[in-house]
């Protein structure tokens, strides 16, 4: 299990790791399982962008969601 504090602490390292990855449109936190288990969540435009996202950063699992193009309403 990963606490929200540990996930928050790992988020800057993930953002830095994704700086040069094309297709990333968001990085955040998400609950996994119960309320005390957290992961980092990366939103990407395309399925091909997933390959460049690390599965774990600083001991925190990373989930990837393909969300497509994000536009304002």
PDB file of N, CA and C in Angstrom:
ATOM      1  N   UNK A   1       0.833  -1.182   0.000  1.00  0.00           N
ATOM      2  CA  UNK A   1       0.000   0.000   0.000  1.00  0.00           C
ATOM      3  C   UNK A   1       0.878   1.246   0.000  1.00  0.00           C
ATOM      4  N   UNK A   2       0.420   2.242  -0.695  1.00  0.00           N
ATOM      5  CA  UNK A   2       1.137   3.517  -0.794  1.00  0.00           C
ATOM      6  C   UNK A   2       0.255   4.613  -0.212  1.00  0.00           C
ATOM      7  N   UNK A   3       0.808   5.372   0.712  1.00  0.00           N
ATOM      8  CA  UNK A   3       0.047   6.470   1.306  1.00  0.00           C
ATOM      9  C   UNK A   3      -0.033   7.642   0.330  1.00  0.00           C
ATOM     10  N   UNK A   4      -0.986   8.517   0.570  1.00  0.00           N
ATOM     11  CA  UNK A   4      -1.121   9.696  -0.282  1.00  0.00           C
ATOM     12  C   UNK A   4       0.115  10.590  -0.169  1.00  0.00           C
ATOM     13  N   UNK A   5       0.711  10.651   1.009  1.00  0.00           N
ATOM     14  CA  UNK A   5       1.913  11.471   1.181  1.00  0.00           C
ATOM     15  C   UNK A   5       3.076  10.936   0.349  1.00  0.00           C
ATOM     16  N   UNK A   6       3.240   9.613   0.324  1.00  0.00           N
ATOM     17  CA  UNK A   6       4.311   9.020  -0.485  1.00  0.00           C
ATOM     18  C   UNK A   6       4.053   9.269  -1.977  1.00  0.00           C
ATOM     19  N   UNK A   7       2.800   9.147  -2.399  1.00  0.00           N
ATOM     20  CA  UNK A   7       2.458   9.396  -3.800  1.00  0.00           C
ATOM     21  C   UNK A   7       2.708  10.864  -4.160  1.00  0.00           C
ATOM     22  N   UNK A   8       2.327  11.769  -3.288  1.00  0.00           N
ATOM     23  CA  UNK A   8       2.570  13.198  -3.538  1.00  0.00           C
ATOM     24  C   UNK A   8       4.061  13.495  -3.636  1.00  0.00           C
ATOM     25  N   UNK A   9       4.855  12.853  -2.787  1.00  0.00           N
ATOM     26  CA  UNK A   9       6.298  13.076  -2.792  1.00  0.00           C
ATOM     27  C   UNK A   9       6.948  12.551  -4.076  1.00  0.00           C
ATOM     28  N   UNK A  10       6.382  11.496  -4.663  1.00  0.00           N
ATOM     29  CA  UNK A  10       6.943  10.903  -5.880  1.00  0.00           C
ATOM     30  C   UNK A  10       6.506  11.630  -7.154  1.00  0.00           C
ATOM     31  N   UNK A  11       5.452  12.402  -7.078  1.00  0.00           N
ATOM     32  CA  UNK A  11       4.897  13.059  -8.272  1.00  0.00           C
ATOM     33  C   UNK A  11       5.898  13.968  -8.986  1.00  0.00           C
ATOM     34  N   UNK A  12       6.679  14.802  -8.292  1.00  0.00           N
ATOM     35  CA  UNK A  12       7.656  15.636  -9.022  1.00  0.00           C
ATOM     36  C   UNK A  12       8.693  14.818  -9.789  1.00  0.00           C
ATOM     37  N   UNK A  13       9.112  13.681  -9.231  1.00  0.00           N
ATOM     38  CA  UNK A  13      10.080  12.831  -9.933  1.00  0.00           C
ATOM     39  C   UNK A  13       9.459  12.251 -11.204  1.00  0.00           C
ATOM     40  N   UNK A  14       8.185  11.892 -11.139  1.00  0.00           N
ATOM     41  CA  UNK A  14       7.506  11.376 -12.329  1.00  0.00           C
ATOM     42  C   UNK A  14       7.365  12.468 -13.376  1.00  0.00           C
ATOM     43  N   UNK A  15       6.971  13.656 -12.964  1.00  0.00           N
ATOM     44  CA  UNK A  15       6.845  14.772 -13.915  1.00  0.00           C
ATOM     45  C   UNK A  15       8.176  15.040 -14.611  1.00  0.00           C
ATOM     46  N   UNK A  16       9.264  14.986 -13.851  1.00  0.00           N
ATOM     47  CA  UNK A  16      10.593  15.200 -14.434  1.00  0.00           C
ATOM     48  C   UNK A  16      10.930  14.081 -15.420  1.00  0.00           C
ATOM     49  N   UNK A  17      10.587  12.844 -15.084  1.00  0.00           N
ATOM     50  CA  UNK A  17      10.864  11.710 -15.969  1.00  0.00           C
ATOM     51  C   UNK A  17      10.061  11.784 -17.262  1.00  0.00           C
ATOM     52  N   UNK A  18       8.920  12.463 -17.215  1.00  0.00           N
ATOM     53  CA  UNK A  18       8.038  12.533 -18.390  1.00  0.00           C
ATOM     54  C   UNK A  18       8.217  13.807 -19.207  1.00  0.00           C
ATOM     55  N   UNK A  19       9.127  14.677 -18.794  1.00  0.00           N
ATOM     56  CA  UNK A  19       9.322  15.954 -19.491  1.00  0.00           C
ATOM     57  C   UNK A  19       9.501  15.813 -20.993  1.00  0.00           C
ATOM     58  N   UNK A  20      10.263  14.831 -21.414  1.00  0.00           N
ATOM     59  CA  UNK A  20      10.557  14.688 -22.841  1.00  0.00           C
ATOM     60  C   UNK A  20       9.660  13.663 -23.541  1.00  0.00           C
ATOM     61  N   UNK A  21       8.684  13.126 -22.835  1.00  0.00           N
ATOM     62  CA  UNK A  21       7.784  12.133 -23.426  1.00  0.00           C
ATOM     63  C   UNK A  21       6.653  12.845 -24.159  1.00  0.00           C
ATOM     64  N   UNK A  22       6.585  12.603 -25.435  1.00  0.00           N
ATOM     65  CA  UNK A  22       5.543  13.223 -26.250  1.00  0.00           C
ATOM     66  C   UNK A  22       4.226  12.475 -26.060  1.00  0.00           C
ATOM     67  N   UNK A  23       3.145  13.208 -25.880  1.00  0.00           N
ATOM     68  CA  UNK A  23       1.823  12.608 -25.760  1.00  0.00           C
ATOM     69  C   UNK A  23       1.259  12.584 -24.356  1.00  0.00           C
ATOM     70  N   UNK A  24       2.017  13.065 -23.375  1.00  0.00           N
ATOM     71  CA  UNK A  24       1.510  13.121 -21.999  1.00  0.00           C
ATOM     72  C   UNK A  24       0.668  14.388 -21.852  1.00  0.00           C
ATOM     73  N   UNK A  25      -0.538  14.241 -21.302  1.00  0.00           N
ATOM     74  CA  UNK A  25      -1.389  15.416 -21.133  1.00  0.00           C
ATOM     75  C   UNK A  25      -1.815  15.643 -19.697  1.00  0.00           C
ATOM     76  N   UNK A  26      -1.326  14.833 -18.768  1.00  0.00           N
ATOM     77  CA  UNK A  26      -1.654  15.071 -17.375  1.00  0.00           C
ATOM     78  C   UNK A  26      -1.003  14.077 -16.439  1.00  0.00           C
ATOM     79  N   UNK A  27      -0.665  14.546 -15.231  1.00  0.00           N
ATOM     80  CA  UNK A  27      -0.092  13.697 -14.188  1.00  0.00           C
ATOM     81  C   UNK A  27      -0.822  14.019 -12.890  1.00  0.00           C
ATOM     82  N   UNK A  28      -1.280  12.994 -12.202  1.00  0.00           N
ATOM     83  CA  UNK A  28      -1.997  13.224 -10.955  1.00  0.00           C
ATOM     84  C   UNK A  28      -1.957  12.014 -10.045  1.00  0.00           C
ATOM     85  N   UNK A  29      -2.820  12.013  -9.046  1.00  0.00           N
ATOM     86  CA  UNK A  29      -2.922  10.930  -8.078  1.00  0.00           C
ATOM     87  C   UNK A  29      -4.276  10.254  -8.238  1.00  0.00           C
ATOM     88  N   UNK A  30      -4.322   8.958  -7.919  1.00  0.00           N
ATOM     89  CA  UNK A  30      -5.584   8.221  -7.976  1.00  0.00           C
ATOM     90  C   UNK A  30      -5.584   7.166  -6.883  1.00  0.00           C
ATOM     91  N   UNK A  31      -6.758   6.888  -6.354  1.00  0.00           N
ATOM     92  CA  UNK A  31      -6.893   5.819  -5.376  1.00  0.00           C
ATOM     93  C   UNK A  31      -6.931   4.484  -6.093  1.00  0.00           C
ATOM     94  N   UNK A  32      -6.339   3.487  -5.426  1.00  0.00           N
ATOM     95  CA  UNK A  32      -6.378   2.124  -5.954  1.00  0.00           C
ATOM     96  C   UNK A  32      -6.845   1.235  -4.816  1.00  0.00           C
ATOM     97  N   UNK A  33      -7.911   0.536  -5.026  1.00  0.00           N
ATOM     98  CA  UNK A  33      -8.416  -0.320  -3.957  1.00  0.00           C
ATOM     99  C   UNK A  33      -9.104   0.499  -2.886  1.00  0.00           C
ATOM    100  N   UNK A  34      -8.553   0.464  -1.678  1.00  0.00           N
ATOM    101  CA  UNK A  34      -9.213   1.188  -0.589  1.00  0.00           C
ATOM    102  C   UNK A  34      -8.690   2.621  -0.483  1.00  0.00           C
ATOM    103  N   UNK A  35      -9.233   3.352   0.466  1.00  0.00           N
ATOM    104  CA  UNK A  35      -8.939   4.785   0.593  1.00  0.00           C
ATOM    105  C   UNK A  35      -7.523   5.105   1.051  1.00  0.00           C
ATOM    106  N   UNK A  36      -6.774   4.108   1.483  1.00  0.00           N
ATOM    107  CA  UNK A  36      -5.407   4.378   1.939  1.00  0.00           C
ATOM    108  C   UNK A  36      -4.358   3.861   0.958  1.00  0.00           C
ATOM    109  N   UNK A  37      -4.740   3.487  -0.237  1.00  0.00           N
ATOM    110  CA  UNK A  37      -3.813   2.980  -1.242  1.00  0.00           C
ATOM    111  C   UNK A  37      -3.860   3.880  -2.476  1.00  0.00           C
ATOM    112  N   UNK A  38      -2.732   4.504  -2.790  1.00  0.00           N
ATOM    113  CA  UNK A  38      -2.667   5.503  -3.853  1.00  0.00           C
ATOM    114  C   UNK A  38      -1.654   5.134  -4.930  1.00  0.00           C
ATOM    115  N   UNK A  39      -1.882   5.619  -6.136  1.00  0.00           N
ATOM    116  CA  UNK A  39      -0.970   5.449  -7.271  1.00  0.00           C
ATOM    117  C   UNK A  39      -0.826   6.799  -7.969  1.00  0.00           C
ATOM    118  N   UNK A  40       0.178   6.878  -8.816  1.00  0.00           N
ATOM    119  CA  UNK A  40       0.301   8.039  -9.702  1.00  0.00           C
ATOM    120  C   UNK A  40      -0.426   7.704 -10.988  1.00  0.00           C
ATOM    121  N   UNK A  41      -1.082   8.681 -11.561  1.00  0.00           N
ATOM    122  CA  UNK A  41      -1.861   8.462 -12.787  1.00  0.00           C
ATOM    123  C   UNK A  41      -1.338   9.387 -13.867  1.00  0.00           C
ATOM    124  N   UNK A  42      -1.073   8.823 -15.038  1.00  0.00           N
ATOM    125  CA  UNK A  42      -0.600   9.596 -16.183  1.00  0.00           C
ATOM    126  C   UNK A  42      -1.637   9.472 -17.293  1.00  0.00           C
ATOM    127  N   UNK A  43      -2.118  10.597 -17.793  1.00  0.00           N
ATOM    128  CA  UNK A  43      -3.020  10.614 -18.930  1.00  0.00           C
ATOM    129  C   UNK A  43      -2.199  10.876 -20.190  1.00  0.00           C
ATOM    130  N   UNK A  44      -2.457  10.081 -21.222  1.00  0.00           N
ATOM    131  CA  UNK A  44      -1.743  10.231 -22.489  1.00  0.00           C
ATOM    132  C   UNK A  44      -2.749  10.340 -23.630  1.00  0.00           C
ATOM    133  N   UNK A  45      -2.291  10.952 -24.715  1.00  0.00           N
ATOM    134  CA  UNK A  45      -3.155  11.124 -25.892  1.00  0.00           C
ATOM    135  C   UNK A  45      -3.354   9.820 -26.651  1.00  0.00           C
ATOM    136  N   UNK A  46      -2.276   9.043 -26.801  1.00  0.00           N
ATOM    137  CA  UNK A  46      -2.333   7.849 -27.654  1.00  0.00           C
ATOM    138  C   UNK A  46      -1.768   6.631 -26.937  1.00  0.00           C
ATOM    139  N   UNK A  47      -2.153   5.486 -27.412  1.00  0.00           N
ATOM    140  CA  UNK A  47      -1.669   4.231 -26.873  1.00  0.00           C
ATOM    141  C   UNK A  47      -0.147   4.113 -26.993  1.00  0.00           C
ATOM    142  N   UNK A  48       0.418   4.637 -28.059  1.00  0.00           N
ATOM    143  CA  UNK A  48       1.867   4.527 -28.262  1.00  0.00           C
ATOM    144  C   UNK A  48       2.666   5.309 -27.222  1.00  0.00           C
ATOM    145  N   UNK A  49       2.097   6.316 -26.606  1.00  0.00           N
ATOM    146  CA  UNK A  49       2.800   7.097 -25.579  1.00  0.00           C
ATOM    147  C   UNK A  49       2.984   6.303 -24.289  1.00  0.00           C
ATOM    148  N   UNK A  50       2.210   5.251 -24.090  1.00  0.00           N
ATOM    149  CA  UNK A  50       2.294   4.441 -22.873  1.00  0.00           C
ATOM    150  C   UNK A  50       3.658   3.811 -22.676  1.00  0.00           C
ATOM    151  N   UNK A  51       4.319   3.457 -23.771  1.00  0.00           N
ATOM    152  CA  UNK A  51       5.572   2.715 -23.673  1.00  0.00           C
ATOM    153  C   UNK A  51       6.690   3.498 -22.991  1.00  0.00           C
ATOM    154  N   UNK A  52       6.604   4.805 -22.969  1.00  0.00           N
ATOM    155  CA  UNK A  52       7.647   5.641 -22.390  1.00  0.00           C
ATOM    156  C   UNK A  52       7.358   6.053 -20.941  1.00  0.00           C
ATOM    157  N   UNK A  53       6.277   5.562 -20.372  1.00  0.00           N
ATOM    158  CA  UNK A  53       5.918   5.899 -18.992  1.00  0.00           C
ATOM    159  C   UNK A  53       6.436   4.789 -18.078  1.00  0.00           C
ATOM    160  N   UNK A  54       7.220   5.140 -17.055  1.00  0.00           N
ATOM    161  CA  UNK A  54       7.734   4.097 -16.153  1.00  0.00           C
ATOM    162  C   UNK A  54       6.607   3.464 -15.341  1.00  0.00           C
ATOM    163  N   UNK A  55       6.688   2.164 -15.061  1.00  0.00           N
ATOM    164  CA  UNK A  55       5.623   1.492 -14.312  1.00  0.00           C
ATOM    165  C   UNK A  55       5.627   1.813 -12.814  1.00  0.00           C
ATOM    166  N   UNK A  56       6.789   2.219 -12.299  1.00  0.00           N
ATOM    167  CA  UNK A  56       6.941   2.552 -10.883  1.00  0.00           C
ATOM    168  C   UNK A  56       7.942   3.689 -10.767  1.00  0.00           C
ATOM    169  N   UNK A  57       7.685   4.631  -9.862  1.00  0.00           N
ATOM    170  CA  UNK A  57       8.644   5.706  -9.603  1.00  0.00           C
ATOM    171  C   UNK A  57       8.727   5.907  -8.093  1.00  0.00           C
ATOM    172  N   UNK A  58       9.914   5.854  -7.565  1.00  0.00           N
ATOM    173  CA  UNK A  58      10.144   5.992  -6.115  1.00  0.00           C
ATOM    174  C   UNK A  58       9.270   5.055  -5.286  1.00  0.00           C
ATOM    175  N   UNK A  59       9.046   3.848  -5.798  1.00  0.00           N
ATOM    176  CA  UNK A  59       8.245   2.865  -5.079  1.00  0.00           C
ATOM    177  C   UNK A  59       6.746   3.025  -5.209  1.00  0.00           C
ATOM    178  N   UNK A  60       6.305   3.968  -6.027  1.00  0.00           N
ATOM    179  CA  UNK A  60       4.873   4.221  -6.214  1.00  0.00           C
ATOM    180  C   UNK A  60       4.460   3.719  -7.601  1.00  0.00           C
ATOM    181  N   UNK A  61       3.461   2.838  -7.678  1.00  0.00           N
ATOM    182  CA  UNK A  61       2.996   2.356  -8.981  1.00  0.00           C
ATOM    183  C   UNK A  61       2.432   3.498  -9.830  1.00  0.00           C
ATOM    184  N   UNK A  62       2.583   3.347 -11.152  1.00  0.00           N
ATOM    185  CA  UNK A  62       2.085   4.353 -12.096  1.00  0.00           C
ATOM    186  C   UNK A  62       1.050   3.697 -12.996  1.00  0.00           C
ATOM    187  N   UNK A  63      -0.140   4.266 -13.039  1.00  0.00           N
ATOM    188  CA  UNK A  63      -1.194   3.826 -13.956  1.00  0.00           C
ATOM    189  C   UNK A  63      -1.205   4.772 -15.144  1.00  0.00           C
ATOM    190  N   UNK A  64      -1.504   4.227 -16.317  1.00  0.00           N
ATOM    191  CA  UNK A  64      -1.586   5.051 -17.516  1.00  0.00           C
ATOM    192  C   UNK A  64      -2.995   4.928 -18.083  1.00  0.00           C
ATOM    193  N   UNK A  65      -3.583   6.073 -18.433  1.00  0.00           N
ATOM    194  CA  UNK A  65      -4.906   6.103 -19.048  1.00  0.00           C
ATOM    195  C   UNK A  65      -4.798   6.809 -20.390  1.00  0.00           C
ATOM    196  N   UNK A  66      -5.272   6.149 -21.435  1.00  0.00           N
ATOM    197  CA  UNK A  66      -5.317   6.775 -22.761  1.00  0.00           C
ATOM    198  C   UNK A  66      -6.622   7.541 -22.845  1.00  0.00           C
ATOM    199  N   UNK A  67      -6.508   8.881 -22.894  1.00  0.00           N
ATOM    200  CA  UNK A  67      -7.703   9.719 -22.853  1.00  0.00           C
ATOM    201  C   UNK A  67      -7.987  10.410 -24.171  1.00  0.00           C
ATOM    202  N   UNK A  68      -7.095  10.297 -25.138  1.00  0.00           N
ATOM    203  CA  UNK A  68      -7.281  10.970 -26.410  1.00  0.00           C
ATOM    204  C   UNK A  68      -6.996  12.453 -26.290  1.00  0.00           C
ATOM    205  N   UNK A  69      -7.342  13.169 -27.321  1.00  0.00           N
ATOM    206  CA  UNK A  69      -7.102  14.605 -27.333  1.00  0.00           C
ATOM    207  C   UNK A  69      -8.006  15.314 -26.327  1.00  0.00           C
ATOM    208  N   UNK A  70      -7.419  16.222 -25.570  1.00  0.00           N
ATOM    209  CA  UNK A  70      -8.174  16.984 -24.577  1.00  0.00           C
ATOM    210  C   UNK A  70      -8.434  18.367 -25.136  1.00  0.00           C
ATOM    211  N   UNK A  71      -9.703  18.764 -25.184  1.00  0.00           N
ATOM    212  CA  UNK A  71     -10.055  20.082 -25.698  1.00  0.00           C
ATOM    213  C   UNK A  71     -11.035  20.766 -24.752  1.00  0.00           C
ATOM    214  N   UNK A  72     -11.043  22.071 -24.803  1.00  0.00           N
ATOM    215  CA  UNK A  72     -11.989  22.837 -23.987  1.00  0.00           C
ATOM    216  C   UNK A  72     -13.387  22.723 -24.571  1.00  0.00           C
ATOM    217  N   UNK A  73     -14.386  22.762 -23.745  1.00  0.00           N
ATOM    218  CA  UNK A  73     -15.772  22.687 -24.225  1.00  0.00           C
ATOM    219  C   UNK A  73     -16.253  24.012 -24.713  1.00  0.00           C
TER     220      UNK A  73
END
